[in-house]
Amino acid sequence: MDLFIIIAAAVVAWVAGALWYMMLSGPWVRVSGIQVDNTGKPVNKSPLPYLVSGIAMVVVAAAMNWLFGLADVDTLLGGAGTGFVIGALIVTPWVLIDNSYVSRPLMLTVIDGGYATLACTLIGTILGAT
């Protein structure tokens, strides 16, 4: 049962990421520095980033499930709150550190950190509620 919930939580977070980055594609493309064609779409059309992100999301959900077990997080609100803290206070500062060393714009951290916080909150909500 845990594996099904972990995968379900990862899928929900991954889909939320697709929606997040569709909504913020313009600002993200401007601040990320990736190459785009004349329509504004990324030049690299490889599906590999989507596959890697899906696998990584399962790893994140599995790790959060393990941590929730250790910390006895077993309610919807407890899961949502703990997920929010993981995203906002662990993942996002790490993204900020990485982006600072390569002089990327702060807005990139805001966009990517916002998604990390949303995704961890969603995963935490699902894991906590089950």
C-alpha atoms as a PDB file:
ATOM      1  CA  MET A   1       0.000   0.000   0.000  1.00  0.00           C
ATOM      2  CA  ASP A   2       2.813   2.419   0.818  1.00  0.00           C
ATOM      3  CA  LEU A   3       4.310   2.040  -2.659  1.00  0.00           C
ATOM      4  CA  PHE A   4       0.984   2.891  -4.307  1.00  0.00           C
ATOM      5  CA  ILE A   5       0.569   5.987  -2.102  1.00  0.00           C
ATOM      6  CA  ILE A   6       4.179   7.053  -2.694  1.00  0.00           C
ATOM      7  CA  ILE A   7       3.749   6.790  -6.454  1.00  0.00           C
ATOM      8  CA  ALA A   8       0.365   8.545  -6.326  1.00  0.00           C
ATOM      9  CA  ALA A   9       1.838  11.408  -4.275  1.00  0.00           C
ATOM     10  CA  ALA A  10       4.758  11.682  -6.699  1.00  0.00           C
ATOM     11  CA  VAL A  11       2.413  11.774  -9.702  1.00  0.00           C
ATOM     12  CA  VAL A  12       0.270  14.501  -8.125  1.00  0.00           C
ATOM     13  CA  ALA A  13       3.374  16.586  -7.372  1.00  0.00           C
ATOM     14  CA  TRP A  14       4.784  15.987 -10.872  1.00  0.00           C
ATOM     15  CA  VAL A  15       1.510  17.067 -12.523  1.00  0.00           C
ATOM     16  CA  ALA A  16       1.407  20.126 -10.266  1.00  0.00           C
ATOM     17  CA  GLY A  17       4.911  20.917 -11.529  1.00  0.00           C
ATOM     18  CA  ALA A  18       3.761  20.666 -15.123  1.00  0.00           C
ATOM     19  CA  LEU A  19       0.967  23.129 -14.379  1.00  0.00           C
ATOM     20  CA  TRP A  20       3.272  25.394 -12.320  1.00  0.00           C
ATOM     21  CA  TYR A  21       5.843  25.679 -15.082  1.00  0.00           C
ATOM     22  CA  MET A  22       3.209  26.092 -17.809  1.00  0.00           C
ATOM     23  CA  MET A  23       1.806  29.059 -15.889  1.00  0.00           C
ATOM     24  CA  LEU A  24       5.259  30.507 -15.246  1.00  0.00           C
ATOM     25  CA  SER A  25       6.970  29.462 -18.482  1.00  0.00           C
ATOM     26  CA  GLY A  26       7.540  33.027 -19.703  1.00  0.00           C
ATOM     27  CA  PRO A  27       9.260  34.313 -16.566  1.00  0.00           C
ATOM     28  CA  TRP A  28      11.102  31.015 -16.074  1.00  0.00           C
ATOM     29  CA  VAL A  29      12.518  31.036 -19.627  1.00  0.00           C
ATOM     30  CA  ARG A  30      13.648  34.667 -19.192  1.00  0.00           C
ATOM     31  CA  VAL A  31      15.495  34.065 -15.922  1.00  0.00           C
ATOM     32  CA  SER A  32      16.782  30.525 -16.518  1.00  0.00           C
ATOM     33  CA  GLY A  33      18.912  31.437 -19.502  1.00  0.00           C
ATOM     34  CA  ILE A  34      17.972  28.386 -21.562  1.00  0.00           C
ATOM     35  CA  GLN A  35      18.009  28.644 -25.341  1.00  0.00           C
ATOM     36  CA  VAL A  36      14.610  28.947 -27.010  1.00  0.00           C
ATOM     37  CA  ASP A  37      13.443  28.907 -30.618  1.00  0.00           C
ATOM     38  CA  ASN A  38      11.540  31.746 -32.319  1.00  0.00           C
ATOM     39  CA  THR A  39       8.267  30.565 -30.702  1.00  0.00           C
ATOM     40  CA  GLY A  40       9.722  30.755 -27.194  1.00  0.00           C
ATOM     41  CA  LYS A  41       9.929  26.972 -26.756  1.00  0.00           C
ATOM     42  CA  PRO A  42      13.130  25.373 -25.438  1.00  0.00           C
ATOM     43  CA  VAL A  43      15.528  24.236 -28.188  1.00  0.00           C
ATOM     44  CA  ASN A  44      16.236  20.977 -26.352  1.00  0.00           C
ATOM     45  CA  LYS A  45      13.133  18.869 -26.876  1.00  0.00           C
ATOM     46  CA  SER A  46      14.467  15.757 -25.162  1.00  0.00           C
ATOM     47  CA  PRO A  47      11.961  13.901 -22.948  1.00  0.00           C
ATOM     48  CA  LEU A  48      14.819  12.988 -20.580  1.00  0.00           C
ATOM     49  CA  PRO A  49      14.241  15.881 -18.113  1.00  0.00           C
ATOM     50  CA  TYR A  50      10.609  14.790 -17.715  1.00  0.00           C
ATOM     51  CA  LEU A  51      11.621  11.191 -17.067  1.00  0.00           C
ATOM     52  CA  VAL A  52      14.349  12.200 -14.622  1.00  0.00           C
ATOM     53  CA  SER A  53      12.001  14.549 -12.775  1.00  0.00           C
ATOM     54  CA  GLY A  54       9.371  11.818 -12.497  1.00  0.00           C
ATOM     55  CA  ILE A  55      11.870   9.375 -11.034  1.00  0.00           C
ATOM     56  CA  ALA A  56      13.251  12.040  -8.709  1.00  0.00           C
ATOM     57  CA  MET A  57       9.733  12.847  -7.506  1.00  0.00           C
ATOM     58  CA  VAL A  58       9.213   9.196  -6.543  1.00  0.00           C
ATOM     59  CA  VAL A  59      12.503   9.322  -4.610  1.00  0.00           C
ATOM     60  CA  VAL A  60      11.387  12.495  -2.812  1.00  0.00           C
ATOM     61  CA  ALA A  61       8.003  10.982  -1.947  1.00  0.00           C
ATOM     62  CA  ALA A  62       9.650   7.776  -0.686  1.00  0.00           C
ATOM     63  CA  ALA A  63      12.100   9.743   1.459  1.00  0.00           C
ATOM     64  CA  MET A  64       9.303  11.878   2.888  1.00  0.00           C
ATOM     65  CA  ASN A  65       7.276   8.733   3.609  1.00  0.00           C
ATOM     66  CA  TRP A  66      10.219   7.292   5.535  1.00  0.00           C
ATOM     67  CA  LEU A  67      10.724  10.549   7.460  1.00  0.00           C
ATOM     68  CA  PHE A  68       7.019  10.771   8.242  1.00  0.00           C
ATOM     69  CA  GLY A  69       7.186   7.274   9.702  1.00  0.00           C
ATOM     70  CA  LEU A  70      10.112   8.237  11.925  1.00  0.00           C
ATOM     71  CA  ALA A  71       8.421  11.444  13.051  1.00  0.00           C
ATOM     72  CA  ASP A  72       4.939   9.916  13.459  1.00  0.00           C
ATOM     73  CA  VAL A  73       3.392  12.340  10.974  1.00  0.00           C
ATOM     74  CA  ASP A  74       0.031  10.748  10.288  1.00  0.00           C
ATOM     75  CA  THR A  75      -2.560  13.453   9.710  1.00  0.00           C
ATOM     76  CA  LEU A  76      -3.489  15.540   6.701  1.00  0.00           C
ATOM     77  CA  LEU A  77      -2.556  18.814   8.403  1.00  0.00           C
ATOM     78  CA  GLY A  78       0.589  17.351   9.919  1.00  0.00           C
ATOM     79  CA  GLY A  79       1.647  16.058   6.527  1.00  0.00           C
ATOM     80  CA  ALA A  80       0.855  19.324   4.768  1.00  0.00           C
ATOM     81  CA  GLY A  81       2.710  21.362   7.378  1.00  0.00           C
ATOM     82  CA  THR A  82       5.733  19.095   7.435  1.00  0.00           C
ATOM     83  CA  GLY A  83       5.817  18.990   3.635  1.00  0.00           C
ATOM     84  CA  PHE A  84       5.627  22.781   3.520  1.00  0.00           C
ATOM     85  CA  VAL A  85       8.544  23.067   5.951  1.00  0.00           C
ATOM     86  CA  ILE A  86      10.632  20.597   3.920  1.00  0.00           C
ATOM     87  CA  GLY A  87       9.977  22.516   0.705  1.00  0.00           C
ATOM     88  CA  ALA A  88      10.200  26.058   2.036  1.00  0.00           C
ATOM     89  CA  LEU A  89      12.915  25.680   4.662  1.00  0.00           C
ATOM     90  CA  ILE A  90      15.119  22.871   3.329  1.00  0.00           C
ATOM     91  CA  VAL A  91      14.777  22.563  -0.447  1.00  0.00           C
ATOM     92  CA  THR A  92      14.289  26.234  -1.340  1.00  0.00           C
ATOM     93  CA  PRO A  93      17.308  27.504   0.629  1.00  0.00           C
ATOM     94  CA  TRP A  94      19.403  24.814  -1.067  1.00  0.00           C
ATOM     95  CA  VAL A  95      18.154  26.001  -4.479  1.00  0.00           C
ATOM     96  CA  LEU A  96      19.074  29.546  -3.424  1.00  0.00           C
ATOM     97  CA  ILE A  97      22.605  28.421  -2.531  1.00  0.00           C
ATOM     98  CA  ASP A  98      23.038  26.639  -5.877  1.00  0.00           C
ATOM     99  CA  ASN A  99      21.656  29.584  -7.853  1.00  0.00           C
ATOM    100  CA  SER A 100      23.778  32.093  -5.921  1.00  0.00           C
ATOM    101  CA  TYR A 101      27.030  30.337  -6.791  1.00  0.00           C
ATOM    102  CA  VAL A 102      26.295  30.551 -10.520  1.00  0.00           C
ATOM    103  CA  SER A 103      24.859  34.095 -10.297  1.00  0.00           C
ATOM    104  CA  ARG A 104      21.375  33.178 -11.463  1.00  0.00           C
ATOM    105  CA  PRO A 105      18.589  35.704 -10.861  1.00  0.00           C
ATOM    106  CA  LEU A 106      16.724  35.561  -7.557  1.00  0.00           C
ATOM    107  CA  MET A 107      13.470  35.144  -9.503  1.00  0.00           C
ATOM    108  CA  LEU A 108      14.657  31.700 -10.612  1.00  0.00           C
ATOM    109  CA  THR A 109      14.894  30.675  -6.967  1.00  0.00           C
ATOM    110  CA  VAL A 110      11.442  32.129  -6.307  1.00  0.00           C
ATOM    111  CA  ILE A 111       9.923  30.122  -9.179  1.00  0.00           C
ATOM    112  CA  ASP A 112      11.782  26.863  -8.531  1.00  0.00           C
ATOM    113  CA  GLY A 113      11.558  27.172  -4.745  1.00  0.00           C
ATOM    114  CA  GLY A 114       7.858  27.887  -5.025  1.00  0.00           C
ATOM    115  CA  TYR A 115       7.407  24.666  -6.940  1.00  0.00           C
ATOM    116  CA  ALA A 116       9.539  22.719  -4.447  1.00  0.00           C
ATOM    117  CA  THR A 117       7.372  24.051  -1.638  1.00  0.00           C
ATOM    118  CA  LEU A 118       4.133  23.268  -3.474  1.00  0.00           C
ATOM    119  CA  ALA A 119       5.286  19.763  -4.430  1.00  0.00           C
ATOM    120  CA  CYS A 120       6.500  18.875  -0.930  1.00  0.00           C
ATOM    121  CA  THR A 121       3.277  20.239   0.561  1.00  0.00           C
ATOM    122  CA  LEU A 122       1.179  18.130  -1.817  1.00  0.00           C
ATOM    123  CA  ILE A 123       3.251  15.006  -1.183  1.00  0.00           C
ATOM    124  CA  GLY A 124       3.082  15.615   2.556  1.00  0.00           C
ATOM    125  CA  THR A 125      -0.673  16.127   2.454  1.00  0.00           C
ATOM    126  CA  ILE A 126      -1.220  12.852   0.617  1.00  0.00           C
ATOM    127  CA  LEU A 127       1.204  10.884   2.774  1.00  0.00           C
ATOM    128  CA  GLY A 128      -0.141  12.378   5.992  1.00  0.00           C
ATOM    129  CA  ALA A 129      -3.741  11.673   5.086  1.00  0.00           C
ATOM    130  CA  THR A 130      -3.171   7.969   4.449  1.00  0.00           C
END
